[in-house]
């Protein structure tokens, strides 16, 4: 089972100086429309081929547009032995709604 973190919780972590790897699994065109700083962009379809790029023991927050794709990727990572993976509930849409209204919605 993969846990979820809310957008305000992720912001609070970052504000405290914690720096989980935020893995944005949206497509490149989506990232051009809306994004948050300091994320690693790897489209969902490329994640399996790029597993060695992610730290297995470090905290990872997976995000997408609304939380569906990222939950699937978070479950996949967890099944591959990543131990500290959470899903960003509501994705970039939740970030825009509850943390930073300057991030466009789409």
PDB file of N, CA and C in Angstrom:
ATOM      1  N   UNK A   1       0.833  -1.191   0.000  1.00  0.00           N
ATOM      2  CA  UNK A   1       0.000   0.000   0.000  1.00  0.00           C
ATOM      3  C   UNK A   1       0.877   1.254   0.000  1.00  0.00           C
ATOM      4  N   UNK A   2       0.568   2.162  -0.891  1.00  0.00           N
ATOM      5  CA  UNK A   2       1.324   3.405  -1.001  1.00  0.00           C
ATOM      6  C   UNK A   2       0.571   4.505  -0.252  1.00  0.00           C
ATOM      7  N   UNK A   3       1.290   5.222   0.580  1.00  0.00           N
ATOM      8  CA  UNK A   3       0.702   6.337   1.304  1.00  0.00           C
ATOM      9  C   UNK A   3       0.624   7.561   0.415  1.00  0.00           C
ATOM     10  N   UNK A   4      -0.200   8.515   0.824  1.00  0.00           N
ATOM     11  CA  UNK A   4      -0.310   9.769   0.090  1.00  0.00           C
ATOM     12  C   UNK A   4       0.085  10.932   0.992  1.00  0.00           C
ATOM     13  N   UNK A   5       0.523  11.989   0.348  1.00  0.00           N
ATOM     14  CA  UNK A   5       0.863  13.228   1.030  1.00  0.00           C
ATOM     15  C   UNK A   5       0.070  14.329   0.334  1.00  0.00           C
ATOM     16  N   UNK A   6      -0.413  15.289   1.103  1.00  0.00           N
ATOM     17  CA  UNK A   6      -1.145  16.405   0.498  1.00  0.00           C
ATOM     18  C   UNK A   6      -0.165  17.458   0.005  1.00  0.00           C
ATOM     19  N   UNK A   7      -0.652  18.319  -0.864  1.00  0.00           N
ATOM     20  CA  UNK A   7       0.190  19.405  -1.364  1.00  0.00           C
ATOM     21  C   UNK A   7       0.674  20.311  -0.223  1.00  0.00           C
ATOM     22  N   UNK A   8      -0.198  20.705   0.726  1.00  0.00           N
ATOM     23  CA  UNK A   8       0.306  21.514   1.848  1.00  0.00           C
ATOM     24  C   UNK A   8       1.356  20.776   2.694  1.00  0.00           C
ATOM     25  N   UNK A   9       1.213  19.465   2.833  1.00  0.00           N
ATOM     26  CA  UNK A   9       2.218  18.705   3.587  1.00  0.00           C
ATOM     27  C   UNK A   9       3.561  18.706   2.860  1.00  0.00           C
ATOM     28  N   UNK A  10       3.539  18.561   1.540  1.00  0.00           N
ATOM     29  CA  UNK A  10       4.779  18.606   0.768  1.00  0.00           C
ATOM     30  C   UNK A  10       5.416  19.987   0.881  1.00  0.00           C
ATOM     31  N   UNK A  11       4.614  21.035   0.787  1.00  0.00           N
ATOM     32  CA  UNK A  11       5.154  22.382   0.929  1.00  0.00           C
ATOM     33  C   UNK A  11       5.782  22.568   2.309  1.00  0.00           C
ATOM     34  N   UNK A  12       5.124  22.080   3.354  1.00  0.00           N
ATOM     35  CA  UNK A  12       5.655  22.196   4.715  1.00  0.00           C
ATOM     36  C   UNK A  12       6.983  21.457   4.848  1.00  0.00           C
ATOM     37  N   UNK A  13       7.087  20.289   4.233  1.00  0.00           N
ATOM     38  CA  UNK A  13       8.358  19.549   4.251  1.00  0.00           C
ATOM     39  C   UNK A  13       9.462  20.391   3.630  1.00  0.00           C
ATOM     40  N   UNK A  14       9.181  20.935   2.462  1.00  0.00           N
ATOM     41  CA  UNK A  14      10.173  21.754   1.763  1.00  0.00           C
ATOM     42  C   UNK A  14      10.530  22.996   2.568  1.00  0.00           C
ATOM     43  N   UNK A  15       9.520  23.605   3.203  1.00  0.00           N
ATOM     44  CA  UNK A  15       9.769  24.796   4.021  1.00  0.00           C
ATOM     45  C   UNK A  15      10.665  24.481   5.214  1.00  0.00           C
ATOM     46  N   UNK A  16      10.588  23.243   5.716  1.00  0.00           N
ATOM     47  CA  UNK A  16      11.436  22.814   6.839  1.00  0.00           C
ATOM     48  C   UNK A  16      12.848  22.449   6.383  1.00  0.00           C
ATOM     49  N   UNK A  17      13.084  22.499   5.087  1.00  0.00           N
ATOM     50  CA  UNK A  17      14.404  22.164   4.576  1.00  0.00           C
ATOM     51  C   UNK A  17      14.557  20.703   4.185  1.00  0.00           C
ATOM     52  N   UNK A  18      13.491  19.947   4.300  1.00  0.00           N
ATOM     53  CA  UNK A  18      13.535  18.555   3.839  1.00  0.00           C
ATOM     54  C   UNK A  18      13.467  18.565   2.320  1.00  0.00           C
ATOM     55  N   UNK A  19      14.175  17.657   1.712  1.00  0.00           N
ATOM     56  CA  UNK A  19      14.203  17.678   0.250  1.00  0.00           C
ATOM     57  C   UNK A  19      13.987  16.281  -0.329  1.00  0.00           C
ATOM     58  N   UNK A  20      12.748  15.795  -0.259  1.00  0.00           N
ATOM     59  CA  UNK A  20      12.479  14.515  -0.916  1.00  0.00           C
ATOM     60  C   UNK A  20      12.637  14.676  -2.427  1.00  0.00           C
ATOM     61  N   UNK A  21      12.945  13.599  -3.092  1.00  0.00           N
ATOM     62  CA  UNK A  21      12.956  13.613  -4.548  1.00  0.00           C
ATOM     63  C   UNK A  21      11.501  13.707  -4.994  1.00  0.00           C
ATOM     64  N   UNK A  22      11.159  14.773  -5.694  1.00  0.00           N
ATOM     65  CA  UNK A  22       9.811  14.910  -6.237  1.00  0.00           C
ATOM     66  C   UNK A  22       9.890  14.497  -7.697  1.00  0.00           C
ATOM     67  N   UNK A  23       9.246  13.382  -8.001  1.00  0.00           N
ATOM     68  CA  UNK A  23       9.292  12.773  -9.326  1.00  0.00           C
ATOM     69  C   UNK A  23       8.011  13.111 -10.067  1.00  0.00           C
ATOM     70  N   UNK A  24       8.117  13.956 -11.076  1.00  0.00           N
ATOM     71  CA  UNK A  24       6.968  14.379 -11.877  1.00  0.00           C
ATOM     72  C   UNK A  24       6.878  13.453 -13.079  1.00  0.00           C
ATOM     73  N   UNK A  25       5.807  12.660 -13.156  1.00  0.00           N
ATOM     74  CA  UNK A  25       5.691  11.642 -14.206  1.00  0.00           C
ATOM     75  C   UNK A  25       4.767  12.066 -15.348  1.00  0.00           C
ATOM     76  N   UNK A  26       4.450  13.361 -15.409  1.00  0.00           N
ATOM     77  CA  UNK A  26       3.617  13.861 -16.500  1.00  0.00           C
ATOM     78  C   UNK A  26       4.426  13.925 -17.797  1.00  0.00           C
ATOM     79  N   UNK A  27       3.720  14.148 -18.878  1.00  0.00           N
ATOM     80  CA  UNK A  27       4.367  14.303 -20.177  1.00  0.00           C
ATOM     81  C   UNK A  27       4.996  15.693 -20.270  1.00  0.00           C
ATOM     82  N   UNK A  28       5.945  15.852 -21.192  1.00  0.00           N
ATOM     83  CA  UNK A  28       6.669  17.115 -21.332  1.00  0.00           C
ATOM     84  C   UNK A  28       5.733  18.283 -21.607  1.00  0.00           C
ATOM     85  N   UNK A  29       4.723  18.075 -22.425  1.00  0.00           N
ATOM     86  CA  UNK A  29       3.799  19.176 -22.735  1.00  0.00           C
ATOM     87  C   UNK A  29       3.055  19.628 -21.485  1.00  0.00           C
ATOM     88  N   UNK A  30       2.780  18.703 -20.566  1.00  0.00           N
ATOM     89  CA  UNK A  30       2.091  19.074 -19.329  1.00  0.00           C
ATOM     90  C   UNK A  30       3.008  19.899 -18.428  1.00  0.00           C
ATOM     91  N   UNK A  31       4.263  19.511 -18.390  1.00  0.00           N
ATOM     92  CA  UNK A  31       5.233  20.246 -17.584  1.00  0.00           C
ATOM     93  C   UNK A  31       5.376  21.679 -18.091  1.00  0.00           C
ATOM     94  N   UNK A  32       5.247  21.883 -19.394  1.00  0.00           N
ATOM     95  CA  UNK A  32       5.323  23.229 -19.959  1.00  0.00           C
ATOM     96  C   UNK A  32       4.134  24.081 -19.551  1.00  0.00           C
ATOM     97  N   UNK A  33       2.999  23.455 -19.304  1.00  0.00           N
ATOM     98  CA  UNK A  33       1.799  24.191 -18.897  1.00  0.00           C
ATOM     99  C   UNK A  33       1.844  24.605 -17.435  1.00  0.00           C
ATOM    100  N   UNK A  34       2.324  23.710 -16.583  1.00  0.00           N
ATOM    101  CA  UNK A  34       2.302  23.963 -15.141  1.00  0.00           C
ATOM    102  C   UNK A  34       3.335  23.089 -14.459  1.00  0.00           C
ATOM    103  N   UNK A  35       4.032  23.671 -13.496  1.00  0.00           N
ATOM    104  CA  UNK A  35       5.028  22.896 -12.766  1.00  0.00           C
ATOM    105  C   UNK A  35       5.369  23.547 -11.446  1.00  0.00           C
ATOM    106  N   UNK A  36       6.093  22.804 -10.644  1.00  0.00           N
ATOM    107  CA  UNK A  36       6.618  23.347  -9.402  1.00  0.00           C
ATOM    108  C   UNK A  36       8.137  23.208  -9.460  1.00  0.00           C
ATOM    109  N   UNK A  37       8.854  24.042  -8.723  1.00  0.00           N
ATOM    110  CA  UNK A  37      10.313  24.011  -8.814  1.00  0.00           C
ATOM    111  C   UNK A  37      10.914  22.756  -8.189  1.00  0.00           C
ATOM    112  N   UNK A  38      12.109  22.468  -8.634  1.00  0.00           N
ATOM    113  CA  UNK A  38      12.937  21.407  -8.045  1.00  0.00           C
ATOM    114  C   UNK A  38      12.299  20.035  -8.099  1.00  0.00           C
ATOM    115  N   UNK A  39      11.842  19.649  -9.277  1.00  0.00           N
ATOM    116  CA  UNK A  39      11.329  18.299  -9.480  1.00  0.00           C
ATOM    117  C   UNK A  39      12.219  17.587 -10.491  1.00  0.00           C
ATOM    118  N   UNK A  40      12.153  16.281 -10.490  1.00  0.00           N
ATOM    119  CA  UNK A  40      12.815  15.469 -11.505  1.00  0.00           C
ATOM    120  C   UNK A  40      11.719  15.004 -12.450  1.00  0.00           C
ATOM    121  N   UNK A  41      11.840  15.354 -13.718  1.00  0.00           N
ATOM    122  CA  UNK A  41      10.815  14.990 -14.693  1.00  0.00           C
ATOM    123  C   UNK A  41      11.215  13.715 -15.417  1.00  0.00           C
ATOM    124  N   UNK A  42      10.403  12.685 -15.228  1.00  0.00           N
ATOM    125  CA  UNK A  42      10.561  11.432 -15.963  1.00  0.00           C
ATOM    126  C   UNK A  42       9.149  10.980 -16.337  1.00  0.00           C
ATOM    127  N   UNK A  43       8.784  11.066 -17.618  1.00  0.00           N
ATOM    128  CA  UNK A  43       7.451  10.625 -18.006  1.00  0.00           C
ATOM    129  C   UNK A  43       7.182   9.178 -17.557  1.00  0.00           C
ATOM    130  N   UNK A  44       5.943   8.927 -17.215  1.00  0.00           N
ATOM    131  CA  UNK A  44       5.545   7.621 -16.685  1.00  0.00           C
ATOM    132  C   UNK A  44       6.097   6.456 -17.515  1.00  0.00           C
ATOM    133  N   UNK A  45       6.009   6.567 -18.825  1.00  0.00           N
ATOM    134  CA  UNK A  45       6.438   5.465 -19.694  1.00  0.00           C
ATOM    135  C   UNK A  45       7.937   5.193 -19.618  1.00  0.00           C
ATOM    136  N   UNK A  46       8.726   6.154 -19.138  1.00  0.00           N
ATOM    137  CA  UNK A  46      10.177   5.992 -19.067  1.00  0.00           C
ATOM    138  C   UNK A  46      10.672   5.510 -17.707  1.00  0.00           C
ATOM    139  N   UNK A  47       9.805   5.484 -16.717  1.00  0.00           N
ATOM    140  CA  UNK A  47      10.231   5.138 -15.359  1.00  0.00           C
ATOM    141  C   UNK A  47      10.918   3.769 -15.292  1.00  0.00           C
ATOM    142  N   UNK A  48      10.336   2.702 -15.864  1.00  0.00           N
ATOM    143  CA  UNK A  48      11.006   1.392 -15.734  1.00  0.00           C
ATOM    144  C   UNK A  48      12.441   1.380 -16.262  1.00  0.00           C
ATOM    145  N   UNK A  49      12.696   2.074 -17.348  1.00  0.00           N
ATOM    146  CA  UNK A  49      14.032   2.090 -17.946  1.00  0.00           C
ATOM    147  C   UNK A  49      15.009   2.964 -17.169  1.00  0.00           C
ATOM    148  N   UNK A  50      14.491   3.800 -16.274  1.00  0.00           N
ATOM    149  CA  UNK A  50      15.359   4.754 -15.578  1.00  0.00           C
ATOM    150  C   UNK A  50      15.422   4.519 -14.067  1.00  0.00           C
ATOM    151  N   UNK A  51      15.041   3.336 -13.622  1.00  0.00           N
ATOM    152  CA  UNK A  51      15.022   3.032 -12.187  1.00  0.00           C
ATOM    153  C   UNK A  51      16.345   3.293 -11.487  1.00  0.00           C
ATOM    154  N   UNK A  52      17.449   3.049 -12.178  1.00  0.00           N
ATOM    155  CA  UNK A  52      18.753   3.211 -11.529  1.00  0.00           C
ATOM    156  C   UNK A  52      19.064   4.668 -11.200  1.00  0.00           C
ATOM    157  N   UNK A  53      18.293   5.603 -11.738  1.00  0.00           N
ATOM    158  CA  UNK A  53      18.514   7.023 -11.468  1.00  0.00           C
ATOM    159  C   UNK A  53      17.912   7.464 -10.137  1.00  0.00           C
ATOM    160  N   UNK A  54      17.076   6.628  -9.535  1.00  0.00           N
ATOM    161  CA  UNK A  54      16.363   7.021  -8.325  1.00  0.00           C
ATOM    162  C   UNK A  54      16.975   6.349  -7.102  1.00  0.00           C
ATOM    163  N   UNK A  55      17.153   7.108  -6.023  1.00  0.00           N
ATOM    164  CA  UNK A  55      17.717   6.521  -4.797  1.00  0.00           C
ATOM    165  C   UNK A  55      16.696   5.611  -4.107  1.00  0.00           C
ATOM    166  N   UNK A  56      17.082   4.372  -3.862  1.00  0.00           N
ATOM    167  CA  UNK A  56      16.143   3.393  -3.293  1.00  0.00           C
ATOM    168  C   UNK A  56      15.730   3.679  -1.858  1.00  0.00           C
ATOM    169  N   UNK A  57      16.603   4.283  -1.075  1.00  0.00           N
ATOM    170  CA  UNK A  57      16.317   4.487   0.345  1.00  0.00           C
ATOM    171  C   UNK A  57      15.838   5.906   0.663  1.00  0.00           C
ATOM    172  N   UNK A  58      15.915   6.812  -0.283  1.00  0.00           N
ATOM    173  CA  UNK A  58      15.546   8.209  -0.033  1.00  0.00           C
ATOM    174  C   UNK A  58      14.041   8.408  -0.194  1.00  0.00           C
ATOM    175  N   UNK A  59      13.492   9.418   0.467  1.00  0.00           N
ATOM    176  CA  UNK A  59      12.073   9.725   0.281  1.00  0.00           C
ATOM    177  C   UNK A  59      11.803  10.185  -1.156  1.00  0.00           C
ATOM    178  N   UNK A  60      10.747   9.629  -1.746  1.00  0.00           N
ATOM    179  CA  UNK A  60      10.336  10.000  -3.098  1.00  0.00           C
ATOM    180  C   UNK A  60       8.856  10.349  -3.058  1.00  0.00           C
ATOM    181  N   UNK A  61       8.526  11.512  -3.603  1.00  0.00           N
ATOM    182  CA  UNK A  61       7.139  11.930  -3.763  1.00  0.00           C
ATOM    183  C   UNK A  61       6.861  11.909  -5.259  1.00  0.00           C
ATOM    184  N   UNK A  62       5.886  11.097  -5.679  1.00  0.00           N
ATOM    185  CA  UNK A  62       5.556  10.995  -7.097  1.00  0.00           C
ATOM    186  C   UNK A  62       4.333  11.866  -7.372  1.00  0.00           C
ATOM    187  N   UNK A  63       4.404  12.638  -8.456  1.00  0.00           N
ATOM    188  CA  UNK A  63       3.295  13.537  -8.786  1.00  0.00           C
ATOM    189  C   UNK A  63       2.941  13.464 -10.263  1.00  0.00           C
ATOM    190  N   UNK A  64       1.676  13.799 -10.552  1.00  0.00           N
ATOM    191  CA  UNK A  64       1.214  13.915 -11.933  1.00  0.00           C
ATOM    192  C   UNK A  64       0.169  15.029 -11.980  1.00  0.00           C
ATOM    193  N   UNK A  65      -0.797  14.931 -12.864  1.00  0.00           N
ATOM    194  CA  UNK A  65      -1.812  15.963 -12.988  1.00  0.00           C
ATOM    195  C   UNK A  65      -2.803  15.927 -11.833  1.00  0.00           C
ATOM    196  N   UNK A  66      -3.361  14.751 -11.564  1.00  0.00           N
ATOM    197  CA  UNK A  66      -4.382  14.680 -10.516  1.00  0.00           C
ATOM    198  C   UNK A  66      -4.170  13.556  -9.512  1.00  0.00           C
ATOM    199  N   UNK A  67      -3.141  12.764  -9.688  1.00  0.00           N
ATOM    200  CA  UNK A  67      -2.808  11.738  -8.709  1.00  0.00           C
ATOM    201  C   UNK A  67      -2.985  10.298  -9.149  1.00  0.00           C
ATOM    202  N   UNK A  68      -3.585  10.065 -10.291  1.00  0.00           N
ATOM    203  CA  UNK A  68      -3.813   8.693 -10.763  1.00  0.00           C
ATOM    204  C   UNK A  68      -2.568   8.023 -11.317  1.00  0.00           C
ATOM    205  N   UNK A  69      -1.935   8.668 -12.285  1.00  0.00           N
ATOM    206  CA  UNK A  69      -0.717   8.089 -12.866  1.00  0.00           C
ATOM    207  C   UNK A  69       0.377   7.977 -11.814  1.00  0.00           C
ATOM    208  N   UNK A  70       0.486   9.013 -10.985  1.00  0.00           N
ATOM    209  CA  UNK A  70       1.538   8.992  -9.970  1.00  0.00           C
ATOM    210  C   UNK A  70       1.319   7.876  -8.954  1.00  0.00           C
ATOM    211  N   UNK A  71       0.065   7.565  -8.648  1.00  0.00           N
ATOM    212  CA  UNK A  71      -0.197   6.451  -7.732  1.00  0.00           C
ATOM    213  C   UNK A  71       0.264   5.143  -8.363  1.00  0.00           C
ATOM    214  N   UNK A  72       0.018   4.961  -9.639  1.00  0.00           N
ATOM    215  CA  UNK A  72       0.474   3.729 -10.311  1.00  0.00           C
ATOM    216  C   UNK A  72       1.998   3.646 -10.307  1.00  0.00           C
ATOM    217  N   UNK A  73       2.666   4.768 -10.563  1.00  0.00           N
ATOM    218  CA  UNK A  73       4.134   4.774 -10.544  1.00  0.00           C
ATOM    219  C   UNK A  73       4.645   4.535  -9.125  1.00  0.00           C
ATOM    220  N   UNK A  74       4.016   5.152  -8.144  1.00  0.00           N
ATOM    221  CA  UNK A  74       4.433   4.948  -6.750  1.00  0.00           C
ATOM    222  C   UNK A  74       4.286   3.477  -6.356  1.00  0.00           C
ATOM    223  N   UNK A  75       3.196   2.842  -6.766  1.00  0.00           N
ATOM    224  CA  UNK A  75       3.012   1.417  -6.487  1.00  0.00           C
ATOM    225  C   UNK A  75       4.078   0.586  -7.192  1.00  0.00           C
ATOM    226  N   UNK A  76       4.386   0.934  -8.430  1.00  0.00           N
ATOM    227  CA  UNK A  76       5.426   0.238  -9.178  1.00  0.00           C
ATOM    228  C   UNK A  76       6.772   0.364  -8.468  1.00  0.00           C
ATOM    229  N   UNK A  77       7.131   1.585  -8.075  1.00  0.00           N
ATOM    230  CA  UNK A  77       8.406   1.789  -7.375  1.00  0.00           C
ATOM    231  C   UNK A  77       8.449   0.991  -6.075  1.00  0.00           C
ATOM    232  N   UNK A  78       7.365   1.007  -5.353  1.00  0.00           N
ATOM    233  CA  UNK A  78       7.296   0.241  -4.108  1.00  0.00           C
ATOM    234  C   UNK A  78       7.499  -1.246  -4.384  1.00  0.00           C
ATOM    235  N   UNK A  79       6.885  -1.746  -5.427  1.00  0.00           N
ATOM    236  CA  UNK A  79       7.046  -3.162  -5.805  1.00  0.00           C
ATOM    237  C   UNK A  79       8.459  -3.476  -6.269  1.00  0.00           C
ATOM    238  N   UNK A  80       9.207  -2.466  -6.689  1.00  0.00           N
ATOM    239  CA  UNK A  80      10.584  -2.659  -7.136  1.00  0.00           C
ATOM    240  C   UNK A  80      11.588  -2.500  -5.994  1.00  0.00           C
ATOM    241  N   UNK A  81      11.094  -2.324  -4.767  1.00  0.00           N
ATOM    242  CA  UNK A  81      11.983  -2.264  -3.618  1.00  0.00           C
ATOM    243  C   UNK A  81      12.296  -0.880  -3.088  1.00  0.00           C
ATOM    244  N   UNK A  82      11.669   0.158  -3.646  1.00  0.00           N
ATOM    245  CA  UNK A  82      11.855   1.499  -3.108  1.00  0.00           C
ATOM    246  C   UNK A  82      11.051   1.578  -1.811  1.00  0.00           C
ATOM    247  N   UNK A  83      11.682   2.067  -0.757  1.00  0.00           N
ATOM    248  CA  UNK A  83      11.086   1.914   0.575  1.00  0.00           C
ATOM    249  C   UNK A  83      10.360   3.139   1.110  1.00  0.00           C
ATOM    250  N   UNK A  84      10.593   4.303   0.550  1.00  0.00           N
ATOM    251  CA  UNK A  84       9.982   5.530   1.082  1.00  0.00           C
ATOM    252  C   UNK A  84       9.300   6.315  -0.041  1.00  0.00           C
ATOM    253  N   UNK A  85       8.284   5.716  -0.631  1.00  0.00           N
ATOM    254  CA  UNK A  85       7.587   6.325  -1.761  1.00  0.00           C
ATOM    255  C   UNK A  85       6.182   6.733  -1.330  1.00  0.00           C
ATOM    256  N   UNK A  86       5.812   7.966  -1.662  1.00  0.00           N
ATOM    257  CA  UNK A  86       4.450   8.438  -1.423  1.00  0.00           C
ATOM    258  C   UNK A  86       3.921   9.103  -2.681  1.00  0.00           C
ATOM    259  N   UNK A  87       2.609   9.162  -2.776  1.00  0.00           N
ATOM    260  CA  UNK A  87       1.935   9.793  -3.898  1.00  0.00           C
ATOM    261  C   UNK A  87       1.465  11.183  -3.483  1.00  0.00           C
ATOM    262  N   UNK A  88       1.611  12.176  -4.359  1.00  0.00           N
ATOM    263  CA  UNK A  88       1.076  13.510  -4.100  1.00  0.00           C
ATOM    264  C   UNK A  88      -0.406  13.483  -4.442  1.00  0.00           C
ATOM    265  N   UNK A  89      -1.246  13.466  -3.418  1.00  0.00           N
ATOM    266  CA  UNK A  89      -2.697  13.408  -3.605  1.00  0.00           C
ATOM    267  C   UNK A  89      -3.176  14.635  -4.378  1.00  0.00           C
ATOM    268  N   UNK A  90      -3.885  14.401  -5.449  1.00  0.00           N
ATOM    269  CA  UNK A  90      -4.425  15.498  -6.239  1.00  0.00           C
ATOM    270  C   UNK A  90      -3.461  16.116  -7.227  1.00  0.00           C
ATOM    271  N   UNK A  91      -2.193  15.713  -7.177  1.00  0.00           N
ATOM    272  CA  UNK A  91      -1.191  16.154  -8.139  1.00  0.00           C
ATOM    273  C   UNK A  91      -1.002  17.656  -8.237  1.00  0.00           C
ATOM    274  N   UNK A  92      -0.588  18.098  -9.420  1.00  0.00           N
ATOM    275  CA  UNK A  92      -0.318  19.512  -9.654  1.00  0.00           C
ATOM    276  C   UNK A  92      -1.591  20.333  -9.490  1.00  0.00           C
ATOM    277  N   UNK A  93      -2.740  19.737  -9.744  1.00  0.00           N
ATOM    278  CA  UNK A  93      -4.004  20.447  -9.561  1.00  0.00           C
ATOM    279  C   UNK A  93      -4.197  20.830  -8.093  1.00  0.00           C
ATOM    280  N   UNK A  94      -3.908  19.901  -7.187  1.00  0.00           N
ATOM    281  CA  UNK A  94      -4.024  20.189  -5.758  1.00  0.00           C
ATOM    282  C   UNK A  94      -3.006  21.233  -5.328  1.00  0.00           C
ATOM    283  N   UNK A  95      -1.814  21.174  -5.913  1.00  0.00           N
ATOM    284  CA  UNK A  95      -0.784  22.166  -5.589  1.00  0.00           C
ATOM    285  C   UNK A  95      -1.293  23.569  -5.959  1.00  0.00           C
ATOM    286  N   UNK A  96      -1.874  23.686  -7.147  1.00  0.00           N
ATOM    287  CA  UNK A  96      -2.393  24.968  -7.600  1.00  0.00           C
ATOM    288  C   UNK A  96      -3.539  25.450  -6.707  1.00  0.00           C
ATOM    289  N   UNK A  97      -4.418  24.550  -6.336  1.00  0.00           N
ATOM    290  CA  UNK A  97      -5.592  24.914  -5.542  1.00  0.00           C
ATOM    291  C   UNK A  97      -5.252  25.262  -4.094  1.00  0.00           C
ATOM    292  N   UNK A  98      -4.281  24.560  -3.504  1.00  0.00           N
ATOM    293  CA  UNK A  98      -4.087  24.723  -2.061  1.00  0.00           C
ATOM    294  C   UNK A  98      -2.743  25.316  -1.640  1.00  0.00           C
ATOM    295  N   UNK A  99      -1.792  25.417  -2.587  1.00  0.00           N
ATOM    296  CA  UNK A  99      -0.472  25.929  -2.213  1.00  0.00           C
ATOM    297  C   UNK A  99      -0.097  27.175  -2.997  1.00  0.00           C
ATOM    298  N   UNK A 100      -0.205  27.119  -4.318  1.00  0.00           N
ATOM    299  CA  UNK A 100       0.269  28.223  -5.157  1.00  0.00           C
ATOM    300  C   UNK A 100      -0.693  28.458  -6.327  1.00  0.00           C
ATOM    301  N   UNK A 101      -1.563  29.425  -6.155  1.00  0.00           N
ATOM    302  CA  UNK A 101      -2.573  29.717  -7.168  1.00  0.00           C
ATOM    303  C   UNK A 101      -1.971  30.270  -8.466  1.00  0.00           C
ATOM    304  N   UNK A 102      -0.688  30.632  -8.449  1.00  0.00           N
ATOM    305  CA  UNK A 102      -0.064  31.113  -9.682  1.00  0.00           C
ATOM    306  C   UNK A 102       0.281  29.960 -10.636  1.00  0.00           C
ATOM    307  N   UNK A 103       0.240  28.732 -10.126  1.00  0.00           N
ATOM    308  CA  UNK A 103       0.469  27.567 -10.990  1.00  0.00           C
ATOM    309  C   UNK A 103      -0.818  27.342 -11.778  1.00  0.00           C
ATOM    310  N   UNK A 104      -0.736  27.405 -13.113  1.00  0.00           N
ATOM    311  CA  UNK A 104      -1.940  27.259 -13.928  1.00  0.00           C
ATOM    312  C   UNK A 104      -2.591  25.887 -13.780  1.00  0.00           C
ATOM    313  N   UNK A 105      -3.894  25.863 -13.895  1.00  0.00           N
ATOM    314  CA  UNK A 105      -4.618  24.596 -13.942  1.00  0.00           C
ATOM    315  C   UNK A 105      -4.905  24.272 -15.398  1.00  0.00           C
ATOM    316  N   UNK A 106      -5.032  23.009 -15.681  1.00  0.00           N
ATOM    317  CA  UNK A 106      -5.362  22.591 -17.063  1.00  0.00           C
ATOM    318  C   UNK A 106      -6.184  21.330 -17.026  1.00  0.00           C
TER     319      UNK A 106
END
